[in-house]
Amino acid sequence: MRITRQRPGTERGAAENFSGAVWLDEIAAPPAPSRLRVFHVHFAPGAHTAWHRHPHGQVLHILQGEGRVRRRDGAVEAVRAGDTVWIEPGEWHWHGAGPHTFMSHLAVVEAAGDGTTTDWGAPVEPGDRHA
């Protein structure tokens, strides 16, 4: 058993992967053979990810606020504190805060054998942020 009392500092989301103000806190990245990664992600109102996918899928658990999620060719879905979203392996999607509230979620992913957790794509176009 290991108890982590000091984590890495909060990091700003990279501009090529996020629109708006986004901050990430790494919660867990256990040593091999585990490939689990857990992040607490904080989105300012209207901030969101670019299109992306994960080799083994992703679980998002909304902790506070209201957000939006969308998979490619799907409708924009509202999510709120307490909701949990399962994103299928390889499914292109984006997620972020609603237009008027902050939103934070836990993001849980499993890294691929080479350590990759995310394949980043194009920025989300304004028309893709609406139902």
N, C-alpha and C. Protein backbone atom coordinates (compact mmCIF):
# COMPACT_ATOMS: atom_id res chain seq x y z
N MET A 1 0.85 -1.18 0.00
CA MET A 1 0.00 0.00 0.00
C MET A 1 0.89 1.23 0.00
N ARG A 2 0.47 2.23 -0.76
CA ARG A 2 1.18 3.52 -0.78
C ARG A 2 0.16 4.62 -0.59
N ILE A 3 0.52 5.59 0.22
CA ILE A 3 -0.32 6.78 0.41
C ILE A 3 0.44 7.95 -0.17
N THR A 4 -0.16 8.63 -1.11
CA THR A 4 0.48 9.79 -1.73
C THR A 4 0.00 11.04 -1.00
N ARG A 5 0.92 11.76 -0.42
CA ARG A 5 0.57 12.97 0.32
C ARG A 5 0.95 14.23 -0.44
N GLN A 6 1.84 14.08 -1.40
CA GLN A 6 2.23 15.23 -2.23
C GLN A 6 2.09 14.84 -3.68
N ARG A 7 1.29 15.60 -4.40
CA ARG A 7 1.09 15.35 -5.82
C ARG A 7 1.80 16.43 -6.62
N PRO A 8 1.94 16.16 -7.93
CA PRO A 8 2.49 17.23 -8.79
C PRO A 8 1.56 18.45 -8.74
N GLY A 9 2.10 19.60 -9.03
CA GLY A 9 1.31 20.82 -9.04
C GLY A 9 0.27 20.83 -10.15
N THR A 10 -0.71 21.69 -10.01
CA THR A 10 -1.74 21.87 -11.03
C THR A 10 -1.09 22.36 -12.31
N GLU A 11 -1.50 21.79 -13.45
CA GLU A 11 -0.97 22.20 -14.74
C GLU A 11 -2.07 22.80 -15.59
N ARG A 12 -1.74 23.82 -16.35
CA ARG A 12 -2.68 24.43 -17.29
C ARG A 12 -2.80 23.52 -18.49
N GLY A 13 -4.02 23.33 -18.98
CA GLY A 13 -4.23 22.52 -20.18
C GLY A 13 -3.56 23.14 -21.38
N ALA A 14 -2.90 22.34 -22.18
CA ALA A 14 -2.17 22.84 -23.36
C ALA A 14 -3.14 23.46 -24.36
N ALA A 15 -2.79 24.63 -24.87
CA ALA A 15 -3.66 25.37 -25.79
C ALA A 15 -4.01 24.57 -27.04
N GLU A 16 -3.15 23.67 -27.48
CA GLU A 16 -3.47 22.89 -28.69
C GLU A 16 -4.49 21.78 -28.40
N ASN A 17 -4.74 21.49 -27.12
CA ASN A 17 -5.68 20.42 -26.75
C ASN A 17 -6.95 20.92 -26.07
N PHE A 18 -6.96 22.19 -25.66
CA PHE A 18 -8.09 22.75 -24.92
C PHE A 18 -8.41 24.15 -25.41
N SER A 19 -9.69 24.50 -25.39
CA SER A 19 -10.13 25.87 -25.67
C SER A 19 -10.62 26.46 -24.36
N GLY A 20 -10.13 27.65 -24.03
CA GLY A 20 -10.51 28.27 -22.77
C GLY A 20 -9.58 27.83 -21.65
N ALA A 21 -9.93 28.24 -20.44
CA ALA A 21 -9.09 27.97 -19.27
C ALA A 21 -9.43 26.61 -18.67
N VAL A 22 -8.43 25.72 -18.68
CA VAL A 22 -8.58 24.37 -18.16
C VAL A 22 -7.35 24.05 -17.32
N TRP A 23 -7.57 23.43 -16.15
CA TRP A 23 -6.47 23.03 -15.27
C TRP A 23 -6.61 21.56 -14.95
N LEU A 24 -5.45 20.88 -14.84
CA LEU A 24 -5.43 19.45 -14.56
C LEU A 24 -4.60 19.16 -13.32
N ASP A 25 -5.15 18.31 -12.46
CA ASP A 25 -4.43 17.80 -11.29
C ASP A 25 -4.32 16.29 -11.46
N GLU A 26 -3.09 15.79 -11.47
CA GLU A 26 -2.90 14.34 -11.54
C GLU A 26 -3.20 13.77 -10.16
N ILE A 27 -4.17 12.87 -10.10
CA ILE A 27 -4.57 12.25 -8.84
C ILE A 27 -3.82 10.94 -8.62
N ALA A 28 -3.69 10.13 -9.68
CA ALA A 28 -3.03 8.83 -9.54
C ALA A 28 -2.38 8.42 -10.84
N ALA A 29 -1.17 7.91 -10.74
CA ALA A 29 -0.44 7.31 -11.85
C ALA A 29 0.45 6.23 -11.25
N PRO A 30 -0.17 5.11 -10.81
CA PRO A 30 0.60 4.06 -10.13
C PRO A 30 1.70 3.49 -11.03
N PRO A 31 2.74 2.93 -10.41
CA PRO A 31 3.82 2.34 -11.20
C PRO A 31 3.36 1.06 -11.91
N ALA A 32 4.11 0.68 -12.95
CA ALA A 32 3.83 -0.57 -13.68
C ALA A 32 3.81 -1.73 -12.67
N PRO A 33 2.97 -2.70 -12.91
CA PRO A 33 2.29 -2.99 -14.16
C PRO A 33 0.98 -2.23 -14.36
N SER A 34 0.58 -1.40 -13.39
CA SER A 34 -0.65 -0.63 -13.55
C SER A 34 -0.49 0.36 -14.70
N ARG A 35 -1.59 0.57 -15.44
CA ARG A 35 -1.61 1.58 -16.49
C ARG A 35 -2.71 2.59 -16.23
N LEU A 36 -3.22 2.59 -15.00
CA LEU A 36 -4.30 3.49 -14.58
C LEU A 36 -3.79 4.92 -14.47
N ARG A 37 -4.60 5.87 -14.93
CA ARG A 37 -4.31 7.29 -14.76
C ARG A 37 -5.60 7.98 -14.35
N VAL A 38 -5.51 8.83 -13.32
CA VAL A 38 -6.69 9.55 -12.84
C VAL A 38 -6.33 11.02 -12.73
N PHE A 39 -7.19 11.88 -13.28
CA PHE A 39 -6.99 13.32 -13.25
C PHE A 39 -8.25 14.00 -12.74
N HIS A 40 -8.07 15.09 -12.01
CA HIS A 40 -9.17 15.99 -11.65
C HIS A 40 -9.00 17.17 -12.59
N VAL A 41 -10.00 17.39 -13.44
CA VAL A 41 -9.90 18.42 -14.48
C VAL A 41 -10.92 19.51 -14.19
N HIS A 42 -10.48 20.75 -14.24
CA HIS A 42 -11.29 21.92 -13.91
C HIS A 42 -11.45 22.77 -15.17
N PHE A 43 -12.69 23.04 -15.57
CA PHE A 43 -12.99 23.82 -16.76
C PHE A 43 -13.68 25.13 -16.36
N ALA A 44 -13.20 26.25 -16.87
CA ALA A 44 -13.90 27.53 -16.71
C ALA A 44 -15.13 27.51 -17.63
N PRO A 45 -16.11 28.38 -17.38
CA PRO A 45 -17.31 28.39 -18.23
C PRO A 45 -16.93 28.45 -19.72
N GLY A 46 -17.54 27.54 -20.49
CA GLY A 46 -17.31 27.49 -21.93
C GLY A 46 -16.05 26.78 -22.37
N ALA A 47 -15.14 26.46 -21.46
CA ALA A 47 -13.89 25.79 -21.83
C ALA A 47 -14.17 24.32 -22.14
N HIS A 48 -13.38 23.74 -23.05
CA HIS A 48 -13.60 22.35 -23.43
C HIS A 48 -12.35 21.77 -24.07
N THR A 49 -12.36 20.46 -24.24
CA THR A 49 -11.26 19.78 -24.91
C THR A 49 -11.38 19.94 -26.42
N ALA A 50 -10.33 19.56 -27.12
CA ALA A 50 -10.40 19.35 -28.57
C ALA A 50 -11.00 17.95 -28.77
N TRP A 51 -11.30 17.59 -30.00
CA TRP A 51 -11.70 16.22 -30.30
C TRP A 51 -10.55 15.31 -29.91
N HIS A 52 -10.86 14.18 -29.31
CA HIS A 52 -9.83 13.24 -28.92
C HIS A 52 -10.44 11.86 -28.69
N ARG A 53 -9.56 10.86 -28.51
CA ARG A 53 -10.00 9.50 -28.21
C ARG A 53 -8.96 8.84 -27.31
N HIS A 54 -9.37 7.73 -26.70
CA HIS A 54 -8.50 7.01 -25.76
C HIS A 54 -8.44 5.54 -26.16
N PRO A 55 -7.27 4.92 -26.12
CA PRO A 55 -7.14 3.54 -26.61
C PRO A 55 -8.00 2.55 -25.83
N HIS A 56 -8.21 2.79 -24.55
CA HIS A 56 -9.01 1.86 -23.73
C HIS A 56 -10.27 2.52 -23.20
N GLY A 57 -10.69 3.62 -23.79
CA GLY A 57 -11.87 4.32 -23.32
C GLY A 57 -11.55 5.25 -22.15
N GLN A 58 -12.61 5.84 -21.60
CA GLN A 58 -12.44 6.82 -20.52
C GLN A 58 -13.72 6.85 -19.69
N VAL A 59 -13.56 7.05 -18.40
CA VAL A 59 -14.68 7.30 -17.51
C VAL A 59 -14.55 8.73 -17.01
N LEU A 60 -15.63 9.49 -17.12
CA LEU A 60 -15.70 10.84 -16.55
C LEU A 60 -16.74 10.82 -15.45
N HIS A 61 -16.39 11.30 -14.27
CA HIS A 61 -17.36 11.45 -13.19
C HIS A 61 -17.43 12.94 -12.86
N ILE A 62 -18.59 13.54 -13.09
CA ILE A 62 -18.75 14.98 -12.90
C ILE A 62 -18.86 15.27 -11.41
N LEU A 63 -17.97 16.13 -10.92
CA LEU A 63 -17.93 16.46 -9.49
C LEU A 63 -18.72 17.71 -9.16
N GLN A 64 -18.65 18.72 -10.04
CA GLN A 64 -19.38 19.96 -9.77
C GLN A 64 -19.71 20.66 -11.06
N GLY A 65 -20.76 21.47 -11.01
CA GLY A 65 -21.14 22.28 -12.15
C GLY A 65 -21.92 21.52 -13.19
N GLU A 66 -22.00 22.14 -14.37
CA GLU A 66 -22.70 21.55 -15.50
C GLU A 66 -21.77 21.57 -16.69
N GLY A 67 -21.76 20.49 -17.45
CA GLY A 67 -20.88 20.40 -18.60
C GLY A 67 -21.59 19.91 -19.83
N ARG A 68 -20.80 19.69 -20.87
CA ARG A 68 -21.29 19.18 -22.14
C ARG A 68 -20.34 18.08 -22.60
N VAL A 69 -20.89 17.05 -23.22
CA VAL A 69 -20.10 15.99 -23.84
C VAL A 69 -20.71 15.71 -25.21
N ARG A 70 -19.85 15.30 -26.13
CA ARG A 70 -20.35 14.94 -27.45
C ARG A 70 -19.43 13.92 -28.07
N ARG A 71 -20.02 12.90 -28.65
CA ARG A 71 -19.25 11.96 -29.45
C ARG A 71 -19.47 12.30 -30.92
N ARG A 72 -18.51 11.93 -31.75
CA ARG A 72 -18.62 12.23 -33.17
C ARG A 72 -19.92 11.66 -33.73
N ASP A 73 -20.63 12.47 -34.49
CA ASP A 73 -21.92 12.12 -35.08
C ASP A 73 -23.02 11.95 -34.05
N GLY A 74 -22.79 12.41 -32.83
CA GLY A 74 -23.81 12.35 -31.80
C GLY A 74 -24.27 13.74 -31.42
N ALA A 75 -25.28 13.80 -30.58
CA ALA A 75 -25.80 15.08 -30.10
C ALA A 75 -24.98 15.55 -28.91
N VAL A 76 -24.97 16.86 -28.68
CA VAL A 76 -24.37 17.41 -27.47
C VAL A 76 -25.26 17.01 -26.30
N GLU A 77 -24.65 16.49 -25.25
CA GLU A 77 -25.39 16.05 -24.06
C GLU A 77 -24.96 16.88 -22.86
N ALA A 78 -25.93 17.33 -22.07
CA ALA A 78 -25.63 18.04 -20.83
C ALA A 78 -25.33 17.01 -19.74
N VAL A 79 -24.32 17.30 -18.92
CA VAL A 79 -23.99 16.47 -17.76
C VAL A 79 -23.88 17.36 -16.54
N ARG A 80 -24.22 16.80 -15.39
CA ARG A 80 -24.23 17.57 -14.15
C ARG A 80 -23.54 16.79 -13.04
N ALA A 81 -23.23 17.48 -11.95
CA ALA A 81 -22.60 16.85 -10.80
C ALA A 81 -23.33 15.56 -10.45
N GLY A 82 -22.56 14.49 -10.27
CA GLY A 82 -23.10 13.18 -9.95
C GLY A 82 -23.22 12.26 -11.15
N ASP A 83 -23.21 12.81 -12.38
CA ASP A 83 -23.30 11.98 -13.58
C ASP A 83 -21.95 11.31 -13.86
N THR A 84 -22.02 10.11 -14.44
CA THR A 84 -20.83 9.39 -14.87
C THR A 84 -20.99 9.05 -16.34
N VAL A 85 -19.95 9.29 -17.12
CA VAL A 85 -19.97 9.06 -18.57
C VAL A 85 -18.92 8.01 -18.90
N TRP A 86 -19.31 6.97 -19.66
CA TRP A 86 -18.37 5.98 -20.18
C TRP A 86 -18.18 6.27 -21.66
N ILE A 87 -16.95 6.48 -22.07
CA ILE A 87 -16.61 6.74 -23.46
C ILE A 87 -15.89 5.49 -23.98
N GLU A 88 -16.40 4.94 -25.06
CA GLU A 88 -15.88 3.68 -25.61
C GLU A 88 -14.43 3.83 -26.09
N PRO A 89 -13.66 2.74 -26.09
CA PRO A 89 -12.31 2.78 -26.65
C PRO A 89 -12.34 3.27 -28.10
N GLY A 90 -11.46 4.20 -28.42
CA GLY A 90 -11.34 4.72 -29.78
C GLY A 90 -12.44 5.67 -30.22
N GLU A 91 -13.38 6.00 -29.34
CA GLU A 91 -14.51 6.87 -29.71
C GLU A 91 -14.08 8.34 -29.68
N TRP A 92 -14.17 9.02 -30.83
CA TRP A 92 -13.85 10.44 -30.90
C TRP A 92 -14.91 11.22 -30.14
N HIS A 93 -14.48 12.15 -29.30
CA HIS A 93 -15.41 12.91 -28.46
C HIS A 93 -14.73 14.18 -27.95
N TRP A 94 -15.52 15.04 -27.33
CA TRP A 94 -15.01 16.20 -26.60
C TRP A 94 -15.89 16.38 -25.37
N HIS A 95 -15.37 17.14 -24.39
CA HIS A 95 -16.14 17.44 -23.18
C HIS A 95 -15.61 18.72 -22.56
N GLY A 96 -16.47 19.37 -21.78
CA GLY A 96 -16.07 20.61 -21.13
C GLY A 96 -17.21 21.21 -20.34
N ALA A 97 -17.03 22.44 -19.91
CA ALA A 97 -18.02 23.14 -19.09
C ALA A 97 -19.15 23.68 -19.95
N GLY A 98 -20.30 23.85 -19.31
CA GLY A 98 -21.40 24.54 -19.96
C GLY A 98 -21.05 26.00 -20.13
N PRO A 99 -21.87 26.76 -20.84
CA PRO A 99 -21.53 28.14 -21.16
C PRO A 99 -21.53 29.10 -19.97
N HIS A 100 -22.21 28.74 -18.87
CA HIS A 100 -22.37 29.69 -17.78
C HIS A 100 -21.85 29.22 -16.44
N THR A 101 -21.25 28.01 -16.38
CA THR A 101 -20.79 27.48 -15.09
C THR A 101 -19.42 26.84 -15.23
N PHE A 102 -18.70 26.84 -14.13
CA PHE A 102 -17.49 26.03 -14.04
C PHE A 102 -17.93 24.57 -13.98
N MET A 103 -17.05 23.66 -14.37
CA MET A 103 -17.33 22.24 -14.25
C MET A 103 -16.02 21.54 -13.94
N SER A 104 -16.09 20.57 -13.03
CA SER A 104 -14.91 19.73 -12.81
C SER A 104 -15.34 18.28 -12.84
N HIS A 105 -14.42 17.43 -13.30
CA HIS A 105 -14.69 16.00 -13.32
C HIS A 105 -13.42 15.22 -13.02
N LEU A 106 -13.61 13.99 -12.58
CA LEU A 106 -12.52 13.04 -12.52
C LEU A 106 -12.48 12.35 -13.88
N ALA A 107 -11.30 12.21 -14.43
CA ALA A 107 -11.11 11.51 -15.69
C ALA A 107 -10.22 10.30 -15.41
N VAL A 108 -10.73 9.12 -15.75
CA VAL A 108 -10.02 7.87 -15.49
C VAL A 108 -9.75 7.20 -16.83
N VAL A 109 -8.48 6.91 -17.09
CA VAL A 109 -8.08 6.24 -18.33
C VAL A 109 -7.05 5.16 -18.02
N GLU A 110 -6.94 4.23 -18.95
CA GLU A 110 -5.89 3.21 -18.90
C GLU A 110 -4.95 3.49 -20.07
N ALA A 111 -3.68 3.59 -19.78
CA ALA A 111 -2.70 3.84 -20.83
C ALA A 111 -2.51 2.60 -21.69
N ALA A 112 -2.17 2.81 -22.96
CA ALA A 112 -1.80 1.71 -23.85
C ALA A 112 -0.43 1.18 -23.42
N GLY A 113 -0.01 0.09 -24.00
CA GLY A 113 1.28 -0.50 -23.66
C GLY A 113 2.45 0.45 -23.81
N ASP A 114 2.35 1.39 -24.75
CA ASP A 114 3.43 2.36 -24.97
C ASP A 114 3.31 3.59 -24.08
N GLY A 115 2.30 3.61 -23.18
CA GLY A 115 2.12 4.74 -22.27
C GLY A 115 1.14 5.79 -22.78
N THR A 116 0.69 5.67 -24.02
CA THR A 116 -0.23 6.64 -24.60
C THR A 116 -1.59 6.55 -23.93
N THR A 117 -2.15 7.70 -23.54
CA THR A 117 -3.50 7.72 -22.97
C THR A 117 -4.50 8.41 -23.88
N THR A 118 -4.01 9.33 -24.73
CA THR A 118 -4.92 10.16 -25.52
C THR A 118 -4.35 10.40 -26.91
N ASP A 119 -5.21 10.31 -27.90
CA ASP A 119 -4.89 10.67 -29.27
C ASP A 119 -5.67 11.95 -29.56
N TRP A 120 -4.98 13.08 -29.68
CA TRP A 120 -5.63 14.38 -29.86
C TRP A 120 -5.91 14.65 -31.32
N GLY A 121 -7.07 15.26 -31.57
CA GLY A 121 -7.48 15.62 -32.93
C GLY A 121 -7.66 17.11 -33.08
N ALA A 122 -8.57 17.48 -33.95
CA ALA A 122 -8.81 18.88 -34.32
C ALA A 122 -9.54 19.62 -33.21
N PRO A 123 -9.39 20.95 -33.20
CA PRO A 123 -10.21 21.75 -32.27
C PRO A 123 -11.69 21.59 -32.59
N VAL A 124 -12.52 21.80 -31.60
CA VAL A 124 -13.97 21.73 -31.78
C VAL A 124 -14.43 23.02 -32.44
N GLU A 125 -15.12 22.89 -33.56
CA GLU A 125 -15.66 24.07 -34.26
C GLU A 125 -16.86 24.61 -33.50
N PRO A 126 -17.11 25.92 -33.59
CA PRO A 126 -18.25 26.49 -32.86
C PRO A 126 -19.58 25.76 -33.13
N GLY A 127 -19.84 25.33 -34.35
CA GLY A 127 -21.07 24.63 -34.65
C GLY A 127 -21.18 23.27 -34.00
N ASP A 128 -20.05 22.67 -33.60
CA ASP A 128 -20.04 21.36 -32.95
C ASP A 128 -20.36 21.43 -31.47
N ARG A 129 -20.46 22.67 -30.91
CA ARG A 129 -20.71 22.81 -29.48
C ARG A 129 -22.19 22.92 -29.16
N HIS A 130 -23.03 22.83 -30.16
CA HIS A 130 -24.48 22.97 -29.95
C HIS A 130 -25.20 21.73 -30.44
N ALA A 131 -26.34 21.48 -29.86
CA ALA A 131 -27.12 20.28 -30.23
C ALA A 131 -27.56 20.32 -31.67
